[in-house]
Structures are given as C-alpha cells and as structure tokens.
Amino acid sequence: MAPPANLLLLLPSPSLAASMRLFHILLLPLCLLFAQVGPGAGLLANLGPKMDDYKCALKEGFCYSSQCPQPTESNGHCYRGRANCCV
C-alpha cells in the first residue's frame, strides 16, 4: 500500500536534508569564530586598531617607506613590514 500523495509533499527530499546539514556544519565554525566567552576574546580581536601603523602612532611616531630621517630612529615596522616606524 502506497502512502498518500499529500504525505509525500511534507517529507523533505534527501538532497534538501543534506544541504541543510552542510549549512549547519559550515555555520558552526563561523559562530565560534565571532562569539567567544568574553568581549574581545574572539579570533578576530587582533584585527583593526592593533595594526603596526596604529602601534607606531601610539608611540608618537610616523611611518616612512625608506630609512628614517635625522634625528629620528627606527622603532619597529609599519604596513606589514614594508615601512619603518620613525620615532
């Protein structure tokens, strides 16, 4: 005996169930990446204002693409190592 036709419409197709399972598997690491225990404790907390050029500005220095001019001296790097932080 075959199930009624309207009951078959309510059951999800196997491909839909597999795609929803894949969606949840991909969504879980994304949620864990952004939501950690405390504020600022996530993996993305080191991005943004902690870049090298920001750290140089906190030291009251400036970024210079070649050697630092006199009377300043190099004290770190800026722009991911492409420039010097002159203080």
PDB file of N, CA and C in Angstrom:
ATOM      1  N   MET A   1       0.842  -1.172   0.000  1.00  0.00           N
ATOM      2  CA  MET A   1       0.000   0.000   0.000  1.00  0.00           C
ATOM      3  C   MET A   1       0.892   1.243   0.000  1.00  0.00           C
ATOM      4  N   ALA A   2       0.682   2.154  -0.923  1.00  0.00           N
ATOM      5  CA  ALA A   2       1.482   3.376  -1.079  1.00  0.00           C
ATOM      6  C   ALA A   2       0.970   4.456  -0.138  1.00  0.00           C
ATOM      7  N   PRO A   3       1.883   5.304   0.393  1.00  0.00           N
ATOM      8  CA  PRO A   3       1.434   6.403   1.258  1.00  0.00           C
ATOM      9  C   PRO A   3       0.652   7.434   0.453  1.00  0.00           C
ATOM     10  N   PRO A   4      -0.216   8.178   1.112  1.00  0.00           N
ATOM     11  CA  PRO A   4      -0.998   9.194   0.399  1.00  0.00           C
ATOM     12  C   PRO A   4      -0.080  10.239  -0.235  1.00  0.00           C
ATOM     13  N   ALA A   5      -0.538  10.829  -1.316  1.00  0.00           N
ATOM     14  CA  ALA A   5       0.268  11.799  -2.071  1.00  0.00           C
ATOM     15  C   ALA A   5       0.558  13.057  -1.256  1.00  0.00           C
ATOM     16  N   ASN A   6      -0.391  13.504  -0.438  1.00  0.00           N
ATOM     17  CA  ASN A   6      -0.151  14.723   0.338  1.00  0.00           C
ATOM     18  C   ASN A   6       0.887  14.493   1.444  1.00  0.00           C
ATOM     19  N   LEU A   7       1.072  13.270   1.923  1.00  0.00           N
ATOM     20  CA  LEU A   7       2.094  12.968   2.907  1.00  0.00           C
ATOM     21  C   LEU A   7       3.489  13.042   2.277  1.00  0.00           C
ATOM     22  N   LEU A   8       3.608  12.670   1.011  1.00  0.00           N
ATOM     23  CA  LEU A   8       4.892  12.730   0.326  1.00  0.00           C
ATOM     24  C   LEU A   8       5.362  14.168   0.142  1.00  0.00           C
ATOM     25  N   LEU A   9       4.453  15.104   0.039  1.00  0.00           N
ATOM     26  CA  LEU A   9       4.831  16.505  -0.123  1.00  0.00           C
ATOM     27  C   LEU A   9       5.425  17.075   1.167  1.00  0.00           C
ATOM     28  N   LEU A  10       5.060  16.529   2.315  1.00  0.00           N
ATOM     29  CA  LEU A  10       5.546  17.045   3.590  1.00  0.00           C
ATOM     30  C   LEU A  10       6.946  16.534   3.936  1.00  0.00           C
ATOM     31  N   LEU A  11       7.338  15.421   3.359  1.00  0.00           N
ATOM     32  CA  LEU A  11       8.653  14.860   3.668  1.00  0.00           C
ATOM     33  C   LEU A  11       9.731  15.604   2.877  1.00  0.00           C
ATOM     34  N   PRO A  12      10.846  15.972   3.531  1.00  0.00           N
ATOM     35  CA  PRO A  12      11.914  16.673   2.801  1.00  0.00           C
ATOM     36  C   PRO A  12      12.648  15.718   1.872  1.00  0.00           C
ATOM     37  N   SER A  13      13.125  16.262   0.786  1.00  0.00           N
ATOM     38  CA  SER A  13      13.887  15.440  -0.151  1.00  0.00           C
ATOM     39  C   SER A  13      15.265  15.167   0.437  1.00  0.00           C
ATOM     40  N   PRO A  14      15.905  14.084   0.061  1.00  0.00           N
ATOM     41  CA  PRO A  14      17.231  13.772   0.617  1.00  0.00           C
ATOM     42  C   PRO A  14      18.278  14.839   0.297  1.00  0.00           C
ATOM     43  N   SER A  15      18.209  15.455  -0.862  1.00  0.00           N
ATOM     44  CA  SER A  15      19.200  16.478  -1.198  1.00  0.00           C
ATOM     45  C   SER A  15      18.996  17.734  -0.350  1.00  0.00           C
ATOM     46  N   LEU A  16      17.755  18.070  -0.025  1.00  0.00           N
ATOM     47  CA  LEU A  16      17.484  19.226   0.825  1.00  0.00           C
ATOM     48  C   LEU A  16      17.995  18.978   2.240  1.00  0.00           C
ATOM     49  N   ALA A  17      17.799  17.786   2.745  1.00  0.00           N
ATOM     50  CA  ALA A  17      18.274  17.458   4.089  1.00  0.00           C
ATOM     51  C   ALA A  17      19.798  17.490   4.138  1.00  0.00           C
ATOM     52  N   ALA A  18      20.450  17.016   3.114  1.00  0.00           N
ATOM     53  CA  ALA A  18      21.911  17.024   3.080  1.00  0.00           C
ATOM     54  C   ALA A  18      22.441  18.442   2.986  1.00  0.00           C
ATOM     55  N   SER A  19      21.785  19.293   2.210  1.00  0.00           N
ATOM     56  CA  SER A  19      22.256  20.672   2.084  1.00  0.00           C
ATOM     57  C   SER A  19      22.032  21.446   3.384  1.00  0.00           C
ATOM     58  N   MET A  20      20.959  21.176   4.101  1.00  0.00           N
ATOM     59  CA  MET A  20      20.736  21.833   5.382  1.00  0.00           C
ATOM     60  C   MET A  20      21.761  21.369   6.410  1.00  0.00           C
ATOM     61  N   ARG A  21      22.133  20.098   6.368  1.00  0.00           N
ATOM     62  CA  ARG A  21      23.154  19.590   7.279  1.00  0.00           C
ATOM     63  C   ARG A  21      24.494  20.255   6.974  1.00  0.00           C
ATOM     64  N   LEU A  22      24.815  20.408   5.714  1.00  0.00           N
ATOM     65  CA  LEU A  22      26.059  21.066   5.318  1.00  0.00           C
ATOM     66  C   LEU A  22      26.049  22.535   5.737  1.00  0.00           C
ATOM     67  N   PHE A  23      24.917  23.191   5.602  1.00  0.00           N
ATOM     68  CA  PHE A  23      24.791  24.585   6.014  1.00  0.00           C
ATOM     69  C   PHE A  23      25.074  24.739   7.505  1.00  0.00           C
ATOM     70  N   HIS A  24      24.541  23.846   8.323  1.00  0.00           N
ATOM     71  CA  HIS A  24      24.761  23.925   9.762  1.00  0.00           C
ATOM     72  C   HIS A  24      26.205  23.598  10.126  1.00  0.00           C
ATOM     73  N   ILE A  25      26.818  22.691   9.398  1.00  0.00           N
ATOM     74  CA  ILE A  25      28.223  22.363   9.657  1.00  0.00           C
ATOM     75  C   ILE A  25      29.108  23.558   9.322  1.00  0.00           C
ATOM     76  N   LEU A  26      28.791  24.306   8.278  1.00  0.00           N
ATOM     77  CA  LEU A  26      29.569  25.484   7.907  1.00  0.00           C
ATOM     78  C   LEU A  26      29.258  26.680   8.805  1.00  0.00           C
ATOM     79  N   LEU A  27      28.073  26.741   9.343  1.00  0.00           N
ATOM     80  CA  LEU A  27      27.678  27.850  10.190  1.00  0.00           C
ATOM     81  C   LEU A  27      28.300  27.761  11.582  1.00  0.00           C
ATOM     82  N   LEU A  28      28.524  26.567  12.081  1.00  0.00           N
ATOM     83  CA  LEU A  28      29.074  26.392  13.423  1.00  0.00           C
ATOM     84  C   LEU A  28      30.459  27.021  13.586  1.00  0.00           C
ATOM     85  N   PRO A  29      31.451  26.773  12.712  1.00  0.00           N
ATOM     86  CA  PRO A  29      32.753  27.434  12.914  1.00  0.00           C
ATOM     87  C   PRO A  29      32.675  28.950  12.797  1.00  0.00           C
ATOM     88  N   LEU A  30      31.783  29.444  11.959  1.00  0.00           N
ATOM     89  CA  LEU A  30      31.626  30.885  11.830  1.00  0.00           C
ATOM     90  C   LEU A  30      31.118  31.492  13.138  1.00  0.00           C
ATOM     91  N   CYS A  31      30.162  30.840  13.769  1.00  0.00           N
ATOM     92  CA  CYS A  31      29.656  31.326  15.054  1.00  0.00           C
ATOM     93  C   CYS A  31      30.730  31.252  16.124  1.00  0.00           C
ATOM     94  N   LEU A  32      31.519  30.185  16.129  1.00  0.00           N
ATOM     95  CA  LEU A  32      32.587  30.054  17.120  1.00  0.00           C
ATOM     96  C   LEU A  32      33.690  31.074  16.895  1.00  0.00           C
ATOM     97  N   LEU A  33      33.873  31.487  15.666  1.00  0.00           N
ATOM     98  CA  LEU A  33      34.899  32.470  15.355  1.00  0.00           C
ATOM     99  C   LEU A  33      34.529  33.844  15.904  1.00  0.00           C
ATOM    100  N   PHE A  34      33.272  34.224  15.792  1.00  0.00           N
ATOM    101  CA  PHE A  34      32.844  35.549  16.203  1.00  0.00           C
ATOM    102  C   PHE A  34      32.409  35.627  17.666  1.00  0.00           C
ATOM    103  N   ALA A  35      31.885  34.568  18.225  1.00  0.00           N
ATOM    104  CA  ALA A  35      31.328  34.622  19.580  1.00  0.00           C
ATOM    105  C   ALA A  35      32.186  33.791  20.520  1.00  0.00           C
ATOM    106  N   GLN A  36      33.039  34.434  21.267  1.00  0.00           N
ATOM    107  CA  GLN A  36      33.847  33.760  22.272  1.00  0.00           C
ATOM    108  C   GLN A  36      33.284  34.100  23.642  1.00  0.00           C
ATOM    109  N   VAL A  37      33.930  33.648  24.686  1.00  0.00           N
ATOM    110  CA  VAL A  37      33.406  33.794  26.041  1.00  0.00           C
ATOM    111  C   VAL A  37      33.277  35.252  26.453  1.00  0.00           C
ATOM    112  N   GLY A  38      34.346  36.026  26.302  1.00  0.00           N
ATOM    113  CA  GLY A  38      34.317  37.420  26.722  1.00  0.00           C
ATOM    114  C   GLY A  38      34.408  38.348  25.534  1.00  0.00           C
ATOM    115  N   PRO A  39      34.046  39.606  25.707  1.00  0.00           N
ATOM    116  CA  PRO A  39      34.157  40.548  24.604  1.00  0.00           C
ATOM    117  C   PRO A  39      35.620  40.791  24.250  1.00  0.00           C
ATOM    118  N   GLY A  40      35.913  40.765  22.990  1.00  0.00           N
ATOM    119  CA  GLY A  40      37.282  40.974  22.533  1.00  0.00           C
ATOM    120  C   GLY A  40      38.149  39.738  22.637  1.00  0.00           C
ATOM    121  N   ALA A  41      37.575  38.588  22.968  1.00  0.00           N
ATOM    122  CA  ALA A  41      38.357  37.370  23.123  1.00  0.00           C
ATOM    123  C   ALA A  41      38.316  36.498  21.882  1.00  0.00           C
ATOM    124  N   GLY A  42      37.594  36.907  20.846  1.00  0.00           N
ATOM    125  CA  GLY A  42      37.477  36.108  19.635  1.00  0.00           C
ATOM    126  C   GLY A  42      38.750  36.120  18.812  1.00  0.00           C
ATOM    127  N   LEU A  43      38.772  35.287  17.780  1.00  0.00           N
ATOM    128  CA  LEU A  43      39.939  35.221  16.914  1.00  0.00           C
ATOM    129  C   LEU A  43      40.114  36.488  16.097  1.00  0.00           C
ATOM    130  N   LEU A  44      39.045  37.232  15.906  1.00  0.00           N
ATOM    131  CA  LEU A  44      39.118  38.449  15.101  1.00  0.00           C
ATOM    132  C   LEU A  44      39.471  39.671  15.950  1.00  0.00           C
ATOM    133  N   ALA A  45      39.785  39.478  17.222  1.00  0.00           N
ATOM    134  CA  ALA A  45      40.069  40.611  18.100  1.00  0.00           C
ATOM    135  C   ALA A  45      41.393  41.286  17.758  1.00  0.00           C
ATOM    136  N   ASN A  46      42.316  40.572  17.119  1.00  0.00           N
ATOM    137  CA  ASN A  46      43.617  41.156  16.813  1.00  0.00           C
ATOM    138  C   ASN A  46      43.607  41.989  15.545  1.00  0.00           C
ATOM    139  N   LEU A  47      42.508  41.996  14.828  1.00  0.00           N
ATOM    140  CA  LEU A  47      42.419  42.818  13.629  1.00  0.00           C
ATOM    141  C   LEU A  47      41.988  44.226  14.018  1.00  0.00           C
ATOM    142  N   GLY A  48      42.185  45.160  13.138  1.00  0.00           N
ATOM    143  CA  GLY A  48      41.713  46.510  13.391  1.00  0.00           C
ATOM    144  C   GLY A  48      42.750  47.398  14.016  1.00  0.00           C
ATOM    145  N   PRO A  49      42.460  47.970  15.186  1.00  0.00           N
ATOM    146  CA  PRO A  49      43.334  49.013  15.720  1.00  0.00           C
ATOM    147  C   PRO A  49      44.691  48.522  16.212  1.00  0.00           C
ATOM    148  N   LYS A  50      44.988  47.243  16.159  1.00  0.00           N
ATOM    149  CA  LYS A  50      46.279  46.760  16.620  1.00  0.00           C
ATOM    150  C   LYS A  50      47.248  46.565  15.461  1.00  0.00           C
ATOM    151  N   MET A  51      46.995  47.178  14.334  1.00  0.00           N
ATOM    152  CA  MET A  51      47.906  47.076  13.200  1.00  0.00           C
ATOM    153  C   MET A  51      49.195  47.824  13.530  1.00  0.00           C
ATOM    154  N   ASP A  52      50.258  47.532  12.779  1.00  0.00           N
ATOM    155  CA  ASP A  52      51.569  48.109  13.042  1.00  0.00           C
ATOM    156  C   ASP A  52      51.566  49.631  12.962  1.00  0.00           C
ATOM    157  N   ASP A  53      50.870  50.198  11.967  1.00  0.00           N
ATOM    158  CA  ASP A  53      50.873  51.651  11.837  1.00  0.00           C
ATOM    159  C   ASP A  53      50.131  52.315  12.998  1.00  0.00           C
ATOM    160  N   TYR A  54      49.137  51.641  13.558  1.00  0.00           N
ATOM    161  CA  TYR A  54      48.439  52.176  14.728  1.00  0.00           C
ATOM    162  C   TYR A  54      49.357  52.151  15.950  1.00  0.00           C
ATOM    163  N   LYS A  55      50.114  51.054  16.095  1.00  0.00           N
ATOM    164  CA  LYS A  55      51.060  50.972  17.208  1.00  0.00           C
ATOM    165  C   LYS A  55      52.134  52.042  17.079  1.00  0.00           C
ATOM    166  N   CYS A  56      52.549  52.333  15.853  1.00  0.00           N
ATOM    167  CA  CYS A  56      53.549  53.370  15.625  1.00  0.00           C
ATOM    168  C   CYS A  56      52.997  54.740  16.020  1.00  0.00           C
ATOM    169  N   ALA A  57      51.749  54.991  15.697  1.00  0.00           N
ATOM    170  CA  ALA A  57      51.132  56.269  16.053  1.00  0.00           C
ATOM    171  C   ALA A  57      50.987  56.404  17.570  1.00  0.00           C
ATOM    172  N   LEU A  58      50.766  55.289  18.257  1.00  0.00           N
ATOM    173  CA  LEU A  58      50.684  55.344  19.715  1.00  0.00           C
ATOM    174  C   LEU A  58      52.025  55.710  20.339  1.00  0.00           C
ATOM    175  N   LYS A  59      53.119  55.360  19.681  1.00  0.00           N
ATOM    176  CA  LYS A  59      54.456  55.720  20.161  1.00  0.00           C
ATOM    177  C   LYS A  59      54.828  57.143  19.762  1.00  0.00           C
ATOM    178  N   GLU A  60      53.864  57.867  19.184  1.00  0.00           N
ATOM    179  CA  GLU A  60      54.072  59.219  18.660  1.00  0.00           C
ATOM    180  C   GLU A  60      55.121  59.232  17.557  1.00  0.00           C
ATOM    181  N   GLY A  61      55.076  58.198  16.718  1.00  0.00           N
ATOM    182  CA  GLY A  61      55.979  58.099  15.585  1.00  0.00           C
ATOM    183  C   GLY A  61      55.217  58.252  14.281  1.00  0.00           C
ATOM    184  N   PHE A  62      55.927  58.067  13.184  1.00  0.00           N
ATOM    185  CA  PHE A  62      55.302  58.129  11.861  1.00  0.00           C
ATOM    186  C   PHE A  62      55.914  57.048  10.985  1.00  0.00           C
ATOM    187  N   CYS A  63      55.170  56.635   9.984  1.00  0.00           N
ATOM    188  CA  CYS A  63      55.625  55.589   9.075  1.00  0.00           C
ATOM    189  C   CYS A  63      56.354  56.217   7.898  1.00  0.00           C
ATOM    190  N   TYR A  64      57.511  55.654   7.566  1.00  0.00           N
ATOM    191  CA  TYR A  64      58.343  56.189   6.488  1.00  0.00           C
ATOM    192  C   TYR A  64      58.818  55.013   5.646  1.00  0.00           C
ATOM    193  N   SER A  65      58.702  55.124   4.328  1.00  0.00           N
ATOM    194  CA  SER A  65      58.970  53.974   3.468  1.00  0.00           C
ATOM    195  C   SER A  65      60.454  53.675   3.270  1.00  0.00           C
ATOM    196  N   SER A  66      61.342  54.614   3.556  1.00  0.00           N
ATOM    197  CA  SER A  66      62.783  54.338   3.465  1.00  0.00           C
ATOM    198  C   SER A  66      63.404  54.535   4.846  1.00  0.00           C
ATOM    199  N   GLN A  67      64.715  54.774   4.909  1.00  0.00           N
ATOM    200  CA  GLN A  67      65.350  54.959   6.205  1.00  0.00           C
ATOM    201  C   GLN A  67      64.788  56.214   6.895  1.00  0.00           C
ATOM    202  N   CYS A  68      64.735  56.160   8.203  1.00  0.00           N
ATOM    203  CA  CYS A  68      64.196  57.279   8.967  1.00  0.00           C
ATOM    204  C   CYS A  68      65.103  58.508   8.829  1.00  0.00           C
ATOM    205  N   PRO A  69      64.512  59.697   8.656  1.00  0.00           N
ATOM    206  CA  PRO A  69      65.315  60.917   8.543  1.00  0.00           C
ATOM    207  C   PRO A  69      65.937  61.291   9.902  1.00  0.00           C
ATOM    208  N   GLN A  70      66.968  62.074   9.846  1.00  0.00           N
ATOM    209  CA  GLN A  70      67.630  62.562  11.071  1.00  0.00           C
ATOM    210  C   GLN A  70      66.702  63.564  11.747  1.00  0.00           C
ATOM    211  N   PRO A  71      66.565  63.664  12.983  1.00  0.00           N
ATOM    212  CA  PRO A  71      67.195  62.985  14.110  1.00  0.00           C
ATOM    213  C   PRO A  71      66.383  61.799  14.618  1.00  0.00           C
ATOM    214  N   THR A  72      65.421  61.300  13.836  1.00  0.00           N
ATOM    215  CA  THR A  72      64.599  60.176  14.308  1.00  0.00           C
ATOM    216  C   THR A  72      65.338  58.861  14.092  1.00  0.00           C
ATOM    217  N   GLU A  73      64.836  57.816  14.735  1.00  0.00           N
ATOM    218  CA  GLU A  73      65.407  56.484  14.559  1.00  0.00           C
ATOM    219  C   GLU A  73      64.280  55.473  14.405  1.00  0.00           C
ATOM    220  N   SER A  74      64.611  54.352  13.809  1.00  0.00           N
ATOM    221  CA  SER A  74      63.625  53.310  13.559  1.00  0.00           C
ATOM    222  C   SER A  74      63.257  52.602  14.852  1.00  0.00           C
ATOM    223  N   ASN A  75      61.953  52.430  15.060  1.00  0.00           N
ATOM    224  CA  ASN A  75      61.467  51.750  16.255  1.00  0.00           C
ATOM    225  C   ASN A  75      60.291  50.854  15.850  1.00  0.00           C
ATOM    226  N   GLY A  76      60.559  49.852  15.035  1.00  0.00           N
ATOM    227  CA  GLY A  76      59.520  48.931  14.591  1.00  0.00           C
ATOM    228  C   GLY A  76      59.205  49.116  13.118  1.00  0.00           C
ATOM    229  N   HIS A  77      58.108  48.470  12.693  1.00  0.00           N
ATOM    230  CA  HIS A  77      57.717  48.494  11.287  1.00  0.00           C
ATOM    231  C   HIS A  77      56.265  48.928  11.142  1.00  0.00           C
ATOM    232  N   CYS A  78      55.923  49.364   9.928  1.00  0.00           N
ATOM    233  CA  CYS A  78      54.550  49.730   9.572  1.00  0.00           C
ATOM    234  C   CYS A  78      54.165  49.009   8.290  1.00  0.00           C
ATOM    235  N   TYR A  79      52.885  48.981   8.018  1.00  0.00           N
ATOM    236  CA  TYR A  79      52.350  48.440   6.765  1.00  0.00           C
ATOM    237  C   TYR A  79      52.896  47.036   6.497  1.00  0.00           C
ATOM    238  N   ARG A  80      52.772  46.191   7.512  1.00  0.00           N
ATOM    239  CA  ARG A  80      53.185  44.778   7.427  1.00  0.00           C
ATOM    240  C   ARG A  80      54.647  44.625   7.038  1.00  0.00           C
ATOM    241  N   GLY A  81      55.497  45.461   7.587  1.00  0.00           N
ATOM    242  CA  GLY A  81      56.933  45.352   7.379  1.00  0.00           C
ATOM    243  C   GLY A  81      57.470  46.084   6.168  1.00  0.00           C
ATOM    244  N   ARG A  82      56.632  46.802   5.429  1.00  0.00           N
ATOM    245  CA  ARG A  82      57.083  47.490   4.230  1.00  0.00           C
ATOM    246  C   ARG A  82      57.622  48.903   4.516  1.00  0.00           C
ATOM    247  N   ALA A  83      57.439  49.411   5.726  1.00  0.00           N
ATOM    248  CA  ALA A  83      57.908  50.748   6.086  1.00  0.00           C
ATOM    249  C   ALA A  83      58.451  50.715   7.504  1.00  0.00           C
ATOM    250  N   ASN A  84      59.230  51.745   7.844  1.00  0.00           N
ATOM    251  CA  ASN A  84      59.801  51.872   9.185  1.00  0.00           C
ATOM    252  C   ASN A  84      58.943  52.796  10.029  1.00  0.00           C
ATOM    253  N   CYS A  85      58.890  52.500  11.316  1.00  0.00           N
ATOM    254  CA  CYS A  85      58.249  53.385  12.273  1.00  0.00           C
ATOM    255  C   CYS A  85      59.330  54.291  12.839  1.00  0.00           C
ATOM    256  N   CYS A  86      59.295  55.558  12.493  1.00  0.00           N
ATOM    257  CA  CYS A  86      60.311  56.514  12.920  1.00  0.00           C
ATOM    258  C   CYS A  86      59.812  57.296  14.119  1.00  0.00           C
ATOM    259  N   VAL A  87      60.616  57.265  15.198  1.00  0.00           N
ATOM    260  CA  VAL A  87      60.248  57.956  16.443  1.00  0.00           C
ATOM    261  C   VAL A  87      61.337  58.942  16.774  1.00  0.00           C
TER     262      VAL A  87
END
